[in-house]
Amino acid sequence: MAYGFGGGFGGGNMQALMRQAQKMQEDIARKKQELDETEFSSSVGGGMVEAKMMGDRTLKSIKINPQVVDPDDVEMLEDLVASAVNDCINQIAKAEKDAMPGMPGLM
């Protein structure tokens, strides 16, 4: 009895699996690029500090209302900036999770 790799022994199935894997990789790359090009923003302290960040986690801008600048309380301003930036990062993480559920570690 002869066994070959053509005919019905997995040849067609393997090619179909490879095409499916390639399509998944392309879909993931497309979704990642879309997320990278999406702008996320956060406003904290009643609008006193605003942060804008791209989906690739590049900080685009920080806006600080002059009323919140108090030389005697720099720590509050630092906390507001950190809060705004962290909120953007959390929004990006959620968007990644929503875009590709069940695929941990791909981002």
C-alpha atoms as a PDB file:
ATOM      1  CA  MET A   1       0.000   0.000   0.000  1.00  0.00           C
ATOM      2  CA  ALA A   2       1.422   3.385  -0.974  1.00  0.00           C
ATOM      3  CA  TYR A   3       0.953   6.550   1.016  1.00  0.00           C
ATOM      4  CA  GLY A   4       1.351   9.939  -0.572  1.00  0.00           C
ATOM      5  CA  PHE A   5       0.944  13.524   0.394  1.00  0.00           C
ATOM      6  CA  GLY A   6      -1.235  14.479  -2.537  1.00  0.00           C
ATOM      7  CA  GLY A   7      -4.691  13.038  -2.943  1.00  0.00           C
ATOM      8  CA  GLY A   8      -6.743  13.126   0.209  1.00  0.00           C
ATOM      9  CA  PHE A   9      -4.070  13.007   2.886  1.00  0.00           C
ATOM     10  CA  GLY A  10      -4.105  16.529   4.220  1.00  0.00           C
ATOM     11  CA  GLY A  11      -2.608  18.388   1.257  1.00  0.00           C
ATOM     12  CA  GLY A  12      -5.705  20.461   0.535  1.00  0.00           C
ATOM     13  CA  ASN A  13      -6.525  20.889   4.217  1.00  0.00           C
ATOM     14  CA  MET A  14      -3.036  22.149   4.989  1.00  0.00           C
ATOM     15  CA  GLN A  15      -3.228  24.729   2.215  1.00  0.00           C
ATOM     16  CA  ALA A  16      -6.631  25.875   3.471  1.00  0.00           C
ATOM     17  CA  LEU A  17      -5.239  26.211   6.992  1.00  0.00           C
ATOM     18  CA  MET A  18      -2.270  28.198   5.709  1.00  0.00           C
ATOM     19  CA  ARG A  19      -4.567  30.557   3.773  1.00  0.00           C
ATOM     20  CA  GLN A  20      -6.761  30.982   6.847  1.00  0.00           C
ATOM     21  CA  ALA A  21      -3.726  31.739   9.037  1.00  0.00           C
ATOM     22  CA  GLN A  22      -2.446  34.271   6.502  1.00  0.00           C
ATOM     23  CA  LYS A  23      -5.857  35.962   6.376  1.00  0.00           C
ATOM     24  CA  MET A  24      -5.929  36.153  10.189  1.00  0.00           C
ATOM     25  CA  GLN A  25      -2.464  37.744  10.199  1.00  0.00           C
ATOM     26  CA  GLU A  26      -3.574  40.298   7.611  1.00  0.00           C
ATOM     27  CA  ASP A  27      -6.742  41.076   9.602  1.00  0.00           C
ATOM     28  CA  ILE A  28      -4.717  41.536  12.787  1.00  0.00           C
ATOM     29  CA  ALA A  29      -2.229  43.806  11.023  1.00  0.00           C
ATOM     30  CA  ARG A  30      -5.071  45.886   9.528  1.00  0.00           C
ATOM     31  CA  LYS A  31      -6.836  46.239  12.889  1.00  0.00           C
ATOM     32  CA  LYS A  32      -3.551  47.140  14.596  1.00  0.00           C
ATOM     33  CA  GLN A  33      -2.848  49.828  11.989  1.00  0.00           C
ATOM     34  CA  GLU A  34      -6.374  51.233  12.375  1.00  0.00           C
ATOM     35  CA  LEU A  35      -5.906  51.401  16.148  1.00  0.00           C
ATOM     36  CA  ASP A  36      -2.457  52.972  15.805  1.00  0.00           C
ATOM     37  CA  GLU A  37      -3.965  55.746  13.662  1.00  0.00           C
ATOM     38  CA  THR A  38      -6.884  56.391  16.039  1.00  0.00           C
ATOM     39  CA  GLU A  39      -6.689  59.381  18.368  1.00  0.00           C
ATOM     40  CA  PHE A  40      -7.763  58.925  21.983  1.00  0.00           C
ATOM     41  CA  SER A  41      -8.397  61.811  24.355  1.00  0.00           C
ATOM     42  CA  SER A  42      -9.023  62.332  28.021  1.00  0.00           C
ATOM     43  CA  SER A  43     -10.114  65.320  30.039  1.00  0.00           C
ATOM     44  CA  VAL A  44      -9.656  65.363  33.829  1.00  0.00           C
ATOM     45  CA  GLY A  45     -10.135  67.809  36.647  1.00  0.00           C
ATOM     46  CA  GLY A  46     -13.234  69.297  35.087  1.00  0.00           C
ATOM     47  CA  GLY A  47     -11.385  70.015  31.849  1.00  0.00           C
ATOM     48  CA  MET A  48      -8.337  71.476  33.547  1.00  0.00           C
ATOM     49  CA  VAL A  49      -5.994  68.974  31.866  1.00  0.00           C
ATOM     50  CA  GLU A  50      -6.537  67.286  28.519  1.00  0.00           C
ATOM     51  CA  ALA A  51      -4.352  64.621  26.928  1.00  0.00           C
ATOM     52  CA  LYS A  52      -4.420  63.286  23.378  1.00  0.00           C
ATOM     53  CA  MET A  53      -2.665  60.093  22.447  1.00  0.00           C
ATOM     54  CA  MET A  54      -2.483  57.998  19.304  1.00  0.00           C
ATOM     55  CA  GLY A  55      -3.353  54.313  19.401  1.00  0.00           C
ATOM     56  CA  ASP A  56       0.335  53.418  19.149  1.00  0.00           C
ATOM     57  CA  ARG A  57       0.668  55.170  22.538  1.00  0.00           C
ATOM     58  CA  THR A  58       2.421  58.228  21.132  1.00  0.00           C
ATOM     59  CA  LEU A  59       1.507  61.244  23.238  1.00  0.00           C
ATOM     60  CA  LYS A  60       0.159  63.837  20.806  1.00  0.00           C
ATOM     61  CA  SER A  61      -0.592  66.737  23.136  1.00  0.00           C
ATOM     62  CA  ILE A  62      -1.194  67.911  26.679  1.00  0.00           C
ATOM     63  CA  LYS A  63      -3.336  70.996  27.302  1.00  0.00           C
ATOM     64  CA  ILE A  64      -3.292  72.620  30.721  1.00  0.00           C
ATOM     65  CA  ASN A  65      -5.752  75.290  31.761  1.00  0.00           C
ATOM     66  CA  PRO A  66      -3.715  78.164  33.256  1.00  0.00           C
ATOM     67  CA  GLN A  67      -6.074  78.269  36.248  1.00  0.00           C
ATOM     68  CA  VAL A  68      -4.738  74.917  37.446  1.00  0.00           C
ATOM     69  CA  VAL A  69      -1.122  76.109  37.450  1.00  0.00           C
ATOM     70  CA  ASP A  70      -0.322  76.858  41.066  1.00  0.00           C
ATOM     71  CA  PRO A  71       3.383  77.061  41.933  1.00  0.00           C
ATOM     72  CA  ASP A  72       2.516  76.088  45.488  1.00  0.00           C
ATOM     73  CA  ASP A  73       0.703  72.917  44.397  1.00  0.00           C
ATOM     74  CA  VAL A  74       2.686  71.423  41.518  1.00  0.00           C
ATOM     75  CA  GLU A  75       1.851  67.941  42.796  1.00  0.00           C
ATOM     76  CA  MET A  76      -1.832  68.393  41.934  1.00  0.00           C
ATOM     77  CA  LEU A  77      -0.947  69.355  38.352  1.00  0.00           C
ATOM     78  CA  GLU A  78       1.388  66.372  38.066  1.00  0.00           C
ATOM     79  CA  ASP A  79      -1.399  64.073  39.296  1.00  0.00           C
ATOM     80  CA  LEU A  80      -3.854  65.512  36.769  1.00  0.00           C
ATOM     81  CA  VAL A  81      -1.414  65.045  33.886  1.00  0.00           C
ATOM     82  CA  ALA A  82      -0.657  61.465  34.942  1.00  0.00           C
ATOM     83  CA  SER A  83      -4.373  60.750  35.281  1.00  0.00           C
ATOM     84  CA  ALA A  84      -5.175  62.088  31.809  1.00  0.00           C
ATOM     85  CA  VAL A  85      -2.344  60.124  30.171  1.00  0.00           C
ATOM     86  CA  ASN A  86      -3.218  56.928  32.034  1.00  0.00           C
ATOM     87  CA  ASP A  87      -6.851  57.284  31.011  1.00  0.00           C
ATOM     88  CA  CYS A  88      -5.801  57.477  27.347  1.00  0.00           C
ATOM     89  CA  ILE A  89      -3.651  54.358  27.780  1.00  0.00           C
ATOM     90  CA  ASN A  90      -6.590  52.514  29.362  1.00  0.00           C
ATOM     91  CA  GLN A  91      -8.863  53.561  26.482  1.00  0.00           C
ATOM     92  CA  ILE A  92      -6.333  52.192  23.984  1.00  0.00           C
ATOM     93  CA  ALA A  93      -6.033  48.894  25.860  1.00  0.00           C
ATOM     94  CA  LYS A  94      -9.819  48.519  25.883  1.00  0.00           C
ATOM     95  CA  ALA A  95     -10.021  49.317  22.163  1.00  0.00           C
ATOM     96  CA  GLU A  96      -7.366  46.675  21.451  1.00  0.00           C
ATOM     97  CA  LYS A  97      -9.216  44.109  23.541  1.00  0.00           C
ATOM     98  CA  ASP A  98     -12.533  44.941  21.839  1.00  0.00           C
ATOM     99  CA  ALA A  99     -10.983  44.816  18.352  1.00  0.00           C
ATOM    100  CA  MET A 100      -9.337  41.451  18.886  1.00  0.00           C
ATOM    101  CA  PRO A 101     -11.078  39.500  21.645  1.00  0.00           C
ATOM    102  CA  GLY A 102      -9.506  36.225  22.628  1.00  0.00           C
ATOM    103  CA  MET A 103      -6.084  37.126  21.255  1.00  0.00           C
ATOM    104  CA  PRO A 104      -3.952  38.039  24.272  1.00  0.00           C
ATOM    105  CA  GLY A 105      -0.416  39.170  23.713  1.00  0.00           C
ATOM    106  CA  LEU A 106      -0.825  40.122  20.075  1.00  0.00           C
ATOM    107  CA  MET A 107      -0.720  43.833  20.720  1.00  0.00           C
END
